[in-house]
Amino acid sequence: MEGVSAGNPTSGSLGFSPGFGNTLANMLTNVAKYIAVLPSITEHLTPDHQKISNLKIHLKDVRDVKQALDTLSNALGSCIPSLEKQFSDAYIREHYPQFPDEILAIIFEFAGLDDFGTAISISHVCRRFRTIALSISRLWISIRPIGYNRGFGVTVEDASEVARRSQPSGIGLEIQVEMYDHYKEEQPKYYGEYLQSMTGFLHMHSSRIRVLALDIGVTYFIRDDDKSAFENLSFPLLDSMKIFSPPGTTLQHIYKNWNLPSLRLLVGQNCLPELSKDILSKINSFTFEVEEYNHPDDNEVLWLLEELADYLVTLSSLKELKMDIDCDHAHYTLPDFDESHVKVELQELRHLTLKIQHTNYHYDTIMCVFMMFDYERLTSLSLELPISVLPDFSPLFDCIRCTSGSLKQLDVRIHPKVNYYNNYRDLRKYARERILEQFLGVSSTLETIYLECAGDDRKDIGFENRIAALQLKNCQLLAWTRGNGQKPDIAYDLEEAFKPEAGPIDECLVLDGAETSPLEKAKIIRVPLSGKK
């Protein structure tokens, strides 16, 4: 068929009228029906020489049709998306005044999140778009000024533009000031100029900055005549600050005289932030993180447990503490941890998270960490431990005393190493039973317990049946009798009661003590496993 005219889809002209699709679709449907019965029609043709002649014609016909349909299919494949886009654009232009602001806000957030150029373009369209865009706090609060064509953020100039546009809404800003090694080494002059501009940016918008992440490696590039201004900054609304130090960096705490009256959340990565005792005494949440490396000797972070303990004592208002540390002996100088361990008294501490890295695990050093704290006042305790801790599990948990009934949430996660945990197969089960025995019972006031021991995809894990985790809800209603007790011993019978087929290793068995029959009402859910990449 060479073409279809406006009035007749089967004629020879090249034009199509609007609405030709129905006529053409009906025609193609009839052709399809004919082709479908064609083999049965030709089956009964005789004699063979006539059958061969007819089959030759029919084969050419259907092959021609197939080729034409392939061409049509390709044309439709490119035409439909183009028409849909044109329709969408035209429909939005025509009807967008009728769109609720909430719908436009969702669209703008999706388009402009982490893309300041798009966010600014949206705000330029019209007054309504500007108002909606400025009301989306996530578009404007996180600013990562990098400068000089870096691909990880925006220039200082663009950051200033973003800050100016969001100022009428009163949105607090989140600023990251970071250092990129290859950039500072290749262009130290430009990096110095960038930091000079960044200092000016911090000065100009200091009254609006609510969250600040500072890489103190950048202080090496601040010019001497700029240091005075940088050292005396004031952030009246800053409530969260992270200080990051690249491993091996000689620390220059150029920020330590800043005025930070509202600071309540503090993070120190590879360093202990140096601030006045007045500021530290008001911190509610503190996180101390040490980067974990495969070859720690090449990237050693220098810190001592005694120094950490002395630092924590100054945080007299601390309610939440998170520690992510290694167990290298270099950080633990105490000669006898049984008699000379450090003790940290934090009267207000309620939430404690301890993560012990795989690097250079030592029992005596991790014991020092466990013995630092008083667990009686805690309402939540989270532990992330390497699987190498399992032979020492019982004595470590003897350090945890929670007889006051304050503890409501317990979270214990064991992180395996490939080809390492299999030697501790029986100990894994013992560790789980050790936790349940200690924290379940008549006097238990725990609300939830989460236990996780996930392994390599090729191995059995956790419960010997590829369940990676166990979550117990309303724990005070679950019995742990271990034998001939009067109540059902749910924890003891778990594995016998629930043995699914081998499957994914990211499944968690959930039991709720509030259920009349917890085992019968047990659920399996998928969970994101900790420490699994």
Protein backbone atom coordinates (compact mmCIF):
# COMPACT_ATOMS: atom_id res chain seq x y z
CA MET A 1 0.00 0.00 0.00
CA GLU A 2 1.67 3.20 -1.14
CA GLY A 3 -0.36 5.65 0.87
CA VAL A 4 -3.68 6.50 2.42
CA SER A 5 -5.69 9.62 1.59
CA ALA A 6 -7.57 11.83 4.02
CA GLY A 7 -10.89 10.32 3.04
CA ASN A 8 -9.94 6.75 2.18
CA PRO A 9 -7.24 4.84 4.05
CA THR A 10 -6.86 2.40 1.15
CA SER A 11 -6.35 4.90 -1.65
CA GLY A 12 -3.00 5.84 -3.17
CA SER A 13 -2.41 9.37 -1.85
CA LEU A 14 0.06 10.09 1.02
CA GLY A 15 -2.24 11.94 3.44
CA PHE A 16 -4.00 10.68 6.56
CA SER A 17 -6.95 12.31 8.21
CA PRO A 18 -7.23 12.60 12.01
CA GLY A 19 -8.92 9.51 13.35
CA PHE A 20 -7.56 7.12 10.73
CA GLY A 21 -6.45 4.71 13.45
CA ASN A 22 -9.80 3.02 13.91
CA THR A 23 -10.24 2.32 10.17
CA LEU A 24 -6.68 1.08 9.80
CA ALA A 25 -6.91 -1.03 12.96
CA ASN A 26 -10.10 -2.72 11.70
CA MET A 27 -8.44 -3.43 8.37
CA LEU A 28 -5.37 -4.93 10.05
CA THR A 29 -7.62 -7.01 12.32
CA ASN A 30 -9.37 -8.48 9.25
CA VAL A 31 -6.00 -9.17 7.63
CA ALA A 32 -4.85 -10.92 10.81
CA LYS A 33 -7.95 -13.12 10.81
CA TYR A 34 -7.37 -14.06 7.17
CA ILE A 35 -3.69 -14.88 7.73
CA ALA A 36 -4.57 -16.95 10.81
CA VAL A 37 -6.75 -19.37 8.78
CA LEU A 38 -4.52 -19.32 5.67
CA PRO A 39 -2.57 -22.52 6.56
CA SER A 40 -5.80 -24.48 6.95
CA ILE A 41 -7.06 -23.18 3.58
CA THR A 42 -3.91 -24.14 1.69
CA GLU A 43 -3.71 -27.51 3.44
CA HIS A 44 -6.43 -28.99 1.23
CA LEU A 45 -5.23 -27.67 -2.14
CA THR A 46 -4.61 -30.29 -4.82
CA PRO A 47 -2.79 -31.33 -6.93
CA ASP A 48 0.68 -30.57 -5.52
CA HIS A 49 1.89 -28.48 -8.46
CA GLN A 50 -1.08 -26.14 -7.94
CA LYS A 51 -0.51 -26.19 -4.17
CA ILE A 52 3.13 -25.24 -4.65
CA SER A 53 2.18 -22.33 -6.91
CA ASN A 54 -0.36 -21.01 -4.39
CA LEU A 55 1.92 -21.49 -1.40
CA LYS A 56 4.66 -19.54 -3.16
CA ILE A 57 2.29 -16.60 -3.63
CA HIS A 58 0.95 -16.78 -0.07
CA LEU A 59 4.42 -16.99 1.47
CA LYS A 60 5.47 -13.87 -0.45
CA ASP A 61 2.30 -12.11 0.67
CA VAL A 62 2.72 -12.86 4.37
CA ARG A 63 6.44 -12.03 4.27
CA ASP A 64 5.62 -8.70 2.64
CA VAL A 65 3.01 -8.07 5.31
CA LYS A 66 5.46 -8.99 8.06
CA GLN A 67 8.08 -6.61 6.65
CA ALA A 68 5.48 -3.84 6.44
CA LEU A 69 4.32 -4.55 9.98
CA ASP A 70 7.92 -4.46 11.27
CA THR A 71 8.31 -1.06 9.66
CA LEU A 72 4.99 0.00 11.16
CA SER A 73 6.01 -1.29 14.59
CA ASN A 74 9.27 0.67 14.51
CA ALA A 75 7.43 3.80 13.43
CA LEU A 76 4.90 3.36 16.22
CA GLY A 77 7.70 2.81 18.73
CA SER A 78 9.20 6.21 17.97
CA CYS A 79 5.93 8.01 17.30
CA ILE A 80 4.04 7.14 20.47
CA PRO A 81 6.61 8.55 22.98
CA SER A 82 6.93 11.72 20.91
CA LEU A 83 3.17 12.21 20.74
CA GLU A 84 2.82 11.43 24.46
CA LYS A 85 5.43 14.05 25.32
CA GLN A 86 3.77 16.66 23.13
CA PHE A 87 0.40 15.83 24.65
CA SER A 88 1.77 15.99 28.18
CA ASP A 89 3.51 19.31 27.59
CA ALA A 90 0.43 20.84 25.93
CA TYR A 91 -1.93 19.44 28.58
CA ILE A 92 0.18 20.81 31.42
CA ARG A 93 0.45 24.22 29.74
CA GLU A 94 -3.30 24.30 29.21
CA HIS A 95 -4.42 22.87 32.55
CA TYR A 96 -1.62 23.53 35.02
CA PRO A 97 -3.60 26.37 36.68
CA GLN A 98 -6.07 23.66 37.73
CA PHE A 99 -3.32 21.44 39.21
CA PRO A 100 -3.25 21.54 43.03
CA ASP A 101 -0.10 23.09 44.46
CA GLU A 102 0.61 19.77 46.18
CA ILE A 103 0.90 17.95 42.82
CA LEU A 104 3.20 20.59 41.38
CA ALA A 105 5.30 20.45 44.55
CA ILE A 106 5.83 16.71 44.09
CA ILE A 107 6.85 17.24 40.47
CA PHE A 108 9.22 20.10 41.33
CA GLU A 109 10.84 18.17 44.17
CA PHE A 110 11.46 15.16 41.94
CA ALA A 111 12.94 17.35 39.20
CA GLY A 112 15.02 19.70 41.33
CA LEU A 113 16.29 17.59 44.20
CA ASP A 114 20.10 17.68 44.16
CA ASP A 115 19.98 19.71 40.94
CA PHE A 116 20.12 23.39 41.80
CA GLY A 117 20.16 24.46 38.14
CA THR A 118 16.77 22.83 37.58
CA ALA A 119 15.42 24.18 40.87
CA ILE A 120 16.42 27.71 39.91
CA SER A 121 14.94 27.31 36.42
CA ILE A 122 11.63 26.17 37.92
CA SER A 123 11.53 29.19 40.20
CA HIS A 124 12.01 31.47 37.17
CA VAL A 125 8.91 30.27 35.29
CA CYS A 126 6.27 32.35 37.05
CA ARG A 127 5.29 33.75 40.42
CA ARG A 128 3.25 30.66 41.31
CA PHE A 129 6.10 28.28 40.45
CA ARG A 130 8.49 30.41 42.48
CA THR A 131 6.18 30.36 45.51
CA ILE A 132 5.71 26.59 45.30
CA ALA A 133 9.41 25.90 44.71
CA LEU A 134 10.46 28.06 47.65
CA SER A 135 8.00 26.19 49.87
CA ILE A 136 9.81 22.89 49.22
CA SER A 137 12.46 23.00 51.91
CA ARG A 138 14.40 20.01 50.58
CA LEU A 139 15.21 21.90 47.38
CA TRP A 140 16.97 24.69 49.19
CA ILE A 141 18.32 23.59 52.55
CA SER A 142 21.19 21.36 51.37
CA ILE A 143 23.96 23.32 49.67
CA ARG A 144 27.23 21.71 48.66
CA PRO A 145 29.34 24.51 47.17
CA ILE A 146 32.40 23.13 45.43
CA GLY A 147 33.49 25.77 42.93
CA TYR A 148 35.54 25.74 39.75
CA ASN A 149 33.59 23.28 37.64
CA ARG A 150 33.49 20.52 40.22
CA GLY A 151 30.74 18.03 39.52
CA PHE A 152 29.77 17.31 43.13
CA GLY A 153 27.85 20.47 43.90
CA VAL A 154 27.44 24.10 42.90
CA THR A 155 29.74 27.09 42.76
CA VAL A 156 29.82 29.56 45.61
CA GLU A 157 28.03 32.02 43.34
CA ASP A 158 25.20 29.56 42.63
CA ALA A 159 25.00 28.66 46.32
CA SER A 160 24.55 32.34 47.13
CA GLU A 161 21.79 32.54 44.52
CA VAL A 162 20.01 29.55 46.05
CA ALA A 163 20.32 31.05 49.54
CA ARG A 164 18.94 34.38 48.36
CA ARG A 165 15.95 32.76 46.67
CA SER A 166 15.01 30.74 49.76
CA GLN A 167 15.55 33.59 52.23
CA PRO A 168 11.95 34.90 52.27
CA SER A 169 10.69 31.50 53.40
CA GLY A 170 12.96 31.51 56.44
CA ILE A 171 14.31 28.05 55.62
CA GLY A 172 17.43 27.01 57.52
CA LEU A 173 20.41 26.04 55.37
CA GLU A 174 22.51 22.86 55.39
CA ILE A 175 26.06 23.54 54.21
CA GLN A 176 28.91 21.15 53.40
CA VAL A 177 32.45 22.47 53.17
CA GLU A 178 34.63 19.62 51.94
CA MET A 179 38.05 19.02 50.47
CA TYR A 180 38.84 16.84 47.44
CA ASP A 181 42.46 15.70 47.44
CA HIS A 182 43.18 15.62 43.72
CA TYR A 183 41.57 19.04 43.25
CA LYS A 184 43.58 20.77 45.98
CA GLU A 185 46.79 19.14 44.73
CA GLU A 186 46.24 20.04 41.08
CA GLN A 187 44.93 23.56 41.62
CA PRO A 188 45.95 24.80 45.09
CA LYS A 189 45.69 28.46 44.00
CA TYR A 190 42.10 28.08 42.87
CA TYR A 191 41.27 26.06 45.96
CA GLY A 192 42.54 28.89 48.14
CA GLU A 193 40.37 31.34 46.21
CA TYR A 194 37.39 29.04 46.59
CA LEU A 195 37.87 28.89 50.34
CA GLN A 196 38.13 32.65 50.49
CA SER A 197 34.77 32.87 48.71
CA MET A 198 33.38 30.13 50.97
CA THR A 199 34.40 32.08 54.06
CA GLY A 200 32.51 35.06 52.71
CA PHE A 201 29.48 32.84 52.02
CA LEU A 202 29.48 31.53 55.61
CA HIS A 203 29.74 35.08 56.94
CA MET A 204 26.89 36.33 54.79
CA HIS A 205 24.48 33.50 55.64
CA SER A 206 25.65 32.52 59.13
CA SER A 207 22.35 33.61 60.68
CA ARG A 208 20.45 31.05 58.55
CA ILE A 209 22.75 28.01 58.70
CA ARG A 210 21.15 25.21 60.69
CA VAL A 211 23.39 22.26 59.70
CA LEU A 212 27.09 22.46 58.87
CA ALA A 213 29.60 19.79 57.81
CA LEU A 214 33.19 21.01 57.88
CA ASP A 215 36.24 19.19 56.59
CA ILE A 216 39.03 20.65 58.69
CA GLY A 217 41.50 19.73 55.98
CA VAL A 218 40.36 22.91 54.22
CA THR A 219 41.95 25.02 56.95
CA TYR A 220 45.36 24.44 55.36
CA PHE A 221 44.23 26.53 52.41
CA ILE A 222 42.75 29.48 54.28
CA ARG A 223 45.01 32.47 53.86
CA ASP A 224 46.47 34.02 56.99
CA ASP A 225 44.60 37.30 56.44
CA ASP A 226 41.31 35.34 56.23
CA LYS A 227 41.85 33.16 59.30
CA SER A 228 40.81 35.82 61.79
CA ALA A 229 37.40 36.17 60.15
CA PHE A 230 36.99 32.38 59.89
CA GLU A 231 37.97 31.78 63.51
CA ASN A 232 35.36 34.19 64.87
CA LEU A 233 32.22 33.12 63.01
CA SER A 234 28.88 33.09 64.80
CA PHE A 235 26.02 30.70 63.96
CA PRO A 236 23.04 31.57 66.16
CA LEU A 237 20.72 28.88 64.66
CA LEU A 238 23.22 26.08 64.08
CA ASP A 239 21.88 22.97 65.84
CA SER A 240 23.86 20.23 64.04
CA MET A 241 27.55 20.17 63.14
CA LYS A 242 29.86 17.51 61.76
CA ILE A 243 33.63 17.90 61.89
CA PHE A 244 35.51 15.59 59.54
CA SER A 245 39.26 15.08 59.43
CA PRO A 246 40.99 13.14 56.64
CA PRO A 247 43.10 10.34 58.15
CA GLY A 248 46.67 11.42 58.78
CA THR A 249 45.75 15.12 58.86
CA THR A 250 47.45 17.26 61.47
CA LEU A 251 44.41 18.66 63.25
CA GLN A 252 43.82 22.40 63.09
CA HIS A 253 40.68 23.18 65.06
CA ILE A 254 40.23 26.61 63.59
CA TYR A 255 36.52 26.51 64.45
CA LYS A 256 36.90 26.06 68.21
CA ASN A 257 36.09 29.69 69.09
CA TRP A 258 32.90 29.85 67.06
CA ASN A 259 29.77 31.11 68.77
CA LEU A 260 27.31 28.18 68.69
CA PRO A 261 24.56 28.86 71.24
CA SER A 262 22.02 26.44 69.69
CA LEU A 263 24.28 23.47 68.90
CA ARG A 264 22.78 20.23 70.16
CA LEU A 265 23.90 17.52 67.70
CA LEU A 266 27.62 16.96 67.14
CA VAL A 267 29.50 14.46 64.96
CA GLY A 268 33.24 13.90 65.02
CA GLN A 269 34.61 11.78 62.17
CA ASN A 270 38.25 10.80 62.74
CA CYS A 271 38.53 13.49 65.41
CA LEU A 272 37.07 14.78 68.65
CA PRO A 273 35.74 18.28 67.90
CA GLU A 274 37.38 20.91 70.08
CA LEU A 275 34.73 23.23 71.44
CA SER A 276 34.32 25.12 74.70
CA LYS A 277 33.03 23.26 77.75
CA ASP A 278 29.99 25.53 77.76
CA ILE A 279 29.02 24.36 74.25
CA LEU A 280 29.85 20.69 74.90
CA SER A 281 27.78 20.66 78.09
CA LYS A 282 24.64 21.40 76.02
CA ILE A 283 25.13 18.67 73.40
CA ASN A 284 22.24 16.16 73.38
CA SER A 285 23.52 13.78 70.67
CA PHE A 286 27.14 12.93 69.89
CA THR A 287 28.59 10.57 67.29
CA PHE A 288 32.23 9.50 67.12
CA GLU A 289 33.17 7.73 63.89
CA VAL A 290 36.48 6.29 62.76
CA GLU A 291 36.92 5.28 59.14
CA GLU A 292 37.54 1.58 58.66
CA TYR A 293 40.28 0.64 56.20
CA ASN A 294 41.58 -2.64 54.83
CA HIS A 295 45.12 -1.47 55.55
CA PRO A 296 44.82 0.70 58.67
CA ASP A 297 48.57 1.29 58.94
CA ASP A 298 48.37 3.44 55.82
CA ASN A 299 45.43 5.50 57.08
CA GLU A 300 45.68 5.39 60.84
CA VAL A 301 43.40 7.68 62.80
CA LEU A 302 45.06 8.66 66.05
CA TRP A 303 42.83 8.53 69.13
CA LEU A 304 42.97 7.03 72.63
CA LEU A 305 40.18 5.49 74.67
CA GLU A 306 41.16 7.56 77.71
CA GLU A 307 40.93 10.76 75.68
CA LEU A 308 37.54 9.70 74.35
CA ALA A 309 36.32 8.97 77.88
CA ASP A 310 37.50 12.36 79.14
CA TYR A 311 35.76 14.02 76.21
CA LEU A 312 32.47 12.21 76.85
CA VAL A 313 32.45 13.31 80.47
CA THR A 314 32.24 16.94 79.32
CA LEU A 315 28.97 16.12 77.51
CA SER A 316 26.92 16.37 80.67
CA SER A 317 23.58 16.75 78.86
CA LEU A 318 24.17 13.86 76.47
CA LYS A 319 21.08 11.75 75.80
CA GLU A 320 22.23 9.84 72.70
CA LEU A 321 25.71 8.47 71.97
CA LYS A 322 26.88 6.62 68.86
CA MET A 323 30.38 5.17 68.52
CA ASP A 324 31.76 3.50 65.38
CA ILE A 325 35.31 2.46 66.25
CA ASP A 326 37.99 -0.15 65.61
CA CYS A 327 39.80 -2.28 68.17
CA ASP A 328 43.41 -1.57 67.30
CA HIS A 329 45.61 -1.89 70.41
CA ALA A 330 47.14 1.48 69.58
CA HIS A 331 44.03 3.19 70.94
CA TYR A 332 43.98 1.32 74.25
CA THR A 333 46.89 2.09 76.56
CA LEU A 334 45.47 0.65 79.76
CA PRO A 335 47.76 -2.10 81.09
CA ASP A 336 45.07 -4.12 82.87
CA PHE A 337 41.49 -3.66 81.74
CA ASP A 338 40.10 -5.67 84.70
CA GLU A 339 41.47 -3.28 87.30
CA SER A 340 42.12 -0.08 85.41
CA HIS A 341 39.30 0.37 82.92
CA VAL A 342 37.85 3.79 82.23
CA LYS A 343 34.34 4.61 83.39
CA VAL A 344 32.09 7.26 81.89
CA GLU A 345 29.26 8.59 84.04
CA LEU A 346 26.56 10.15 81.89
CA GLN A 347 23.46 10.70 83.98
CA GLU A 348 21.26 11.78 81.05
CA LEU A 349 22.33 9.09 78.56
CA ARG A 350 19.33 7.08 77.32
CA HIS A 351 20.29 5.82 73.84
CA LEU A 352 23.60 4.05 73.21
CA THR A 353 24.88 2.63 69.90
CA LEU A 354 28.20 0.79 69.75
CA LYS A 355 29.57 -0.41 66.44
CA ILE A 356 32.84 -2.34 66.58
CA GLN A 357 34.63 -2.74 63.27
CA HIS A 358 36.30 -5.88 61.98
CA THR A 359 39.73 -4.25 61.84
CA ASN A 360 42.20 -5.70 64.38
CA TYR A 361 39.64 -7.20 66.74
CA HIS A 362 40.93 -7.84 70.30
CA TYR A 363 38.87 -9.13 73.19
CA ASP A 364 40.55 -7.01 75.88
CA THR A 365 40.05 -3.78 73.95
CA ILE A 366 36.39 -4.39 73.20
CA MET A 367 35.90 -5.31 76.84
CA CYS A 368 37.26 -1.87 77.77
CA VAL A 369 34.58 -0.29 75.61
CA PHE A 370 31.77 -2.41 77.08
CA MET A 371 32.87 -1.59 80.62
CA MET A 372 32.89 2.16 80.04
CA PHE A 373 29.15 2.62 80.46
CA ASP A 374 26.36 2.27 82.97
CA TYR A 375 23.47 0.51 81.23
CA GLU A 376 20.87 0.86 83.97
CA ARG A 377 19.43 4.17 82.74
CA LEU A 378 19.33 3.27 79.05
CA THR A 379 16.02 2.98 77.22
CA SER A 380 17.60 1.70 73.98
CA LEU A 381 20.81 -0.21 73.28
CA SER A 382 22.15 -1.03 69.81
CA LEU A 383 25.21 -3.20 69.21
CA GLU A 384 26.85 -3.93 65.86
CA LEU A 385 29.66 -6.43 66.34
CA PRO A 386 32.03 -8.43 64.13
CA ILE A 387 31.51 -12.17 64.09
CA SER A 388 34.93 -12.57 65.69
CA VAL A 389 33.29 -11.46 68.95
CA LEU A 390 31.22 -14.64 69.26
CA PRO A 391 33.68 -16.71 71.35
CA ASP A 392 33.71 -13.81 73.85
CA PHE A 393 30.00 -13.14 73.69
CA SER A 394 29.01 -14.33 77.15
CA PRO A 395 31.63 -12.40 79.19
CA LEU A 396 30.96 -9.27 77.14
CA PHE A 397 27.25 -9.44 77.86
CA ASP A 398 27.98 -9.97 81.54
CA CYS A 399 29.03 -6.29 81.48
CA ILE A 400 25.51 -5.25 80.54
CA ARG A 401 23.32 -4.87 83.58
CA CYS A 402 19.77 -3.61 83.07
CA THR A 403 17.92 -4.57 86.24
CA SER A 404 16.10 -1.24 86.61
CA GLY A 405 13.62 -2.06 83.86
CA SER A 406 14.41 1.09 81.88
CA LEU A 407 15.60 -0.73 78.75
CA LYS A 408 12.82 -0.90 76.14
CA GLN A 409 14.65 -1.47 72.83
CA LEU A 410 17.50 -3.94 72.24
CA ASP A 411 19.17 -4.27 68.82
CA VAL A 412 22.07 -6.70 68.32
CA ARG A 413 23.63 -7.29 64.87
CA ILE A 414 26.49 -9.64 64.08
CA HIS A 415 28.43 -8.76 60.92
CA PRO A 416 30.10 -11.74 59.24
CA LYS A 417 33.25 -11.93 57.23
CA VAL A 418 33.21 -14.17 54.18
CA ASN A 419 34.77 -17.59 54.88
CA TYR A 420 35.22 -16.68 58.55
CA TYR A 421 32.03 -17.28 60.47
CA ASN A 422 31.57 -20.95 59.60
CA ASN A 423 33.95 -22.00 62.40
CA TYR A 424 31.52 -20.45 64.90
CA ARG A 425 28.35 -22.13 63.73
CA ASP A 426 27.39 -23.50 67.15
CA LEU A 427 28.46 -20.30 68.89
CA ARG A 428 26.07 -18.25 66.77
CA LYS A 429 23.17 -20.21 68.14
CA TYR A 430 24.55 -19.93 71.65
CA ALA A 431 24.91 -16.15 71.35
CA ARG A 432 21.29 -15.82 70.31
CA GLU A 433 20.14 -17.96 73.23
CA ARG A 434 22.42 -16.02 75.57
CA ILE A 435 20.71 -12.76 74.64
CA LEU A 436 17.19 -14.16 74.93
CA GLU A 437 17.95 -15.80 78.26
CA GLN A 438 19.33 -12.58 79.69
CA PHE A 439 16.65 -10.21 78.42
CA LEU A 440 13.46 -12.30 78.40
CA GLY A 441 11.65 -13.36 81.51
CA VAL A 442 9.04 -12.43 84.08
CA SER A 443 10.81 -9.21 85.06
CA SER A 444 11.50 -8.09 81.49
CA THR A 445 10.16 -4.69 80.47
CA LEU A 446 11.61 -4.83 76.97
CA GLU A 447 9.24 -3.86 74.21
CA THR A 448 11.26 -5.07 71.19
CA ILE A 449 14.34 -7.17 70.54
CA TYR A 450 15.98 -7.34 67.13
CA LEU A 451 18.70 -9.94 66.54
CA GLU A 452 20.54 -10.24 63.25
CA CYS A 453 23.26 -12.60 62.12
CA ALA A 454 23.54 -12.59 58.35
CA GLY A 455 26.13 -14.48 56.35
CA ASP A 456 27.44 -15.16 52.90
CA ASP A 457 24.80 -16.09 50.32
CA ARG A 458 26.43 -19.49 49.94
CA LYS A 459 26.20 -20.44 53.60
CA ASP A 460 23.56 -21.30 56.18
CA ILE A 461 23.02 -18.38 58.50
CA GLY A 462 21.38 -17.28 61.70
CA PHE A 463 18.79 -19.88 62.47
CA GLU A 464 20.20 -22.77 60.49
CA ASN A 465 17.32 -22.22 58.04
CA ARG A 466 18.51 -19.09 56.22
CA ILE A 467 16.48 -16.66 58.34
CA ALA A 468 18.80 -13.73 58.90
CA ALA A 469 17.07 -11.96 61.77
CA LEU A 470 14.59 -12.32 64.59
CA GLN A 471 12.33 -9.54 65.83
CA LEU A 472 10.34 -9.94 69.01
CA LYS A 473 7.56 -7.47 69.82
CA ASN A 474 5.94 -7.05 73.24
CA CYS A 475 8.78 -9.09 74.67
CA GLN A 476 7.47 -8.93 78.23
CA LEU A 477 4.66 -11.23 77.12
CA LEU A 478 6.99 -13.85 75.61
CA ALA A 479 8.19 -16.65 77.88
CA TRP A 480 11.69 -18.00 78.24
CA THR A 481 11.47 -21.09 80.46
CA ARG A 482 14.14 -23.33 78.92
CA GLY A 483 12.70 -26.66 79.77
CA ASN A 484 9.79 -27.75 81.97
CA GLY A 485 8.36 -24.35 82.83
CA GLN A 486 4.67 -23.64 83.18
CA LYS A 487 4.52 -21.25 80.20
CA PRO A 488 5.15 -22.03 76.52
CA ASP A 489 8.82 -21.67 75.76
CA ILE A 490 8.57 -19.77 72.47
CA ALA A 491 12.22 -18.88 72.09
CA TYR A 492 13.33 -22.46 72.76
CA ASP A 493 10.96 -23.90 70.15
CA LEU A 494 11.55 -21.34 67.41
CA GLU A 495 13.59 -23.46 65.06
CA GLU A 496 11.38 -26.50 65.43
CA ALA A 497 8.25 -24.44 64.85
CA PHE A 498 9.45 -22.53 61.84
CA LYS A 499 11.74 -24.03 59.21
CA PRO A 500 11.18 -22.46 55.79
CA GLU A 501 12.79 -23.72 52.64
CA ALA A 502 16.14 -22.28 51.60
CA GLY A 503 15.57 -18.85 50.12
CA PRO A 504 16.70 -15.26 50.35
CA ILE A 505 19.05 -14.46 53.21
CA ASP A 506 17.44 -11.12 54.02
CA GLU A 507 14.38 -12.47 55.81
CA CYS A 508 13.34 -11.69 59.36
CA LEU A 509 11.02 -13.77 61.55
CA VAL A 510 8.66 -11.51 63.52
CA LEU A 511 6.90 -12.72 66.68
CA ASP A 512 4.46 -10.59 68.67
CA GLY A 513 3.91 -11.49 72.32
CA ALA A 514 0.57 -9.68 72.26
CA GLU A 515 -0.80 -12.39 69.97
CA THR A 516 -2.72 -15.26 71.59
CA SER A 517 -0.66 -17.72 69.54
CA PRO A 518 2.57 -15.91 68.58
CA LEU A 519 4.03 -18.83 66.65
CA GLU A 520 0.88 -19.30 64.58
CA LYS A 521 0.79 -15.57 63.82
CA ALA A 522 4.51 -15.37 63.02
CA LYS A 523 5.43 -13.31 59.96
CA ILE A 524 8.34 -13.28 57.57
CA ILE A 525 9.46 -9.88 56.30
CA ARG A 526 12.38 -8.74 54.17
CA VAL A 527 14.95 -6.55 55.93
CA PRO A 528 17.97 -4.55 54.70
CA LEU A 529 20.86 -6.40 56.28
CA SER A 530 23.43 -4.35 58.15
CA GLY A 531 26.96 -4.31 56.80
CA LYS A 532 25.94 -6.19 53.65
CA LYS A 533 26.95 -4.72 50.31
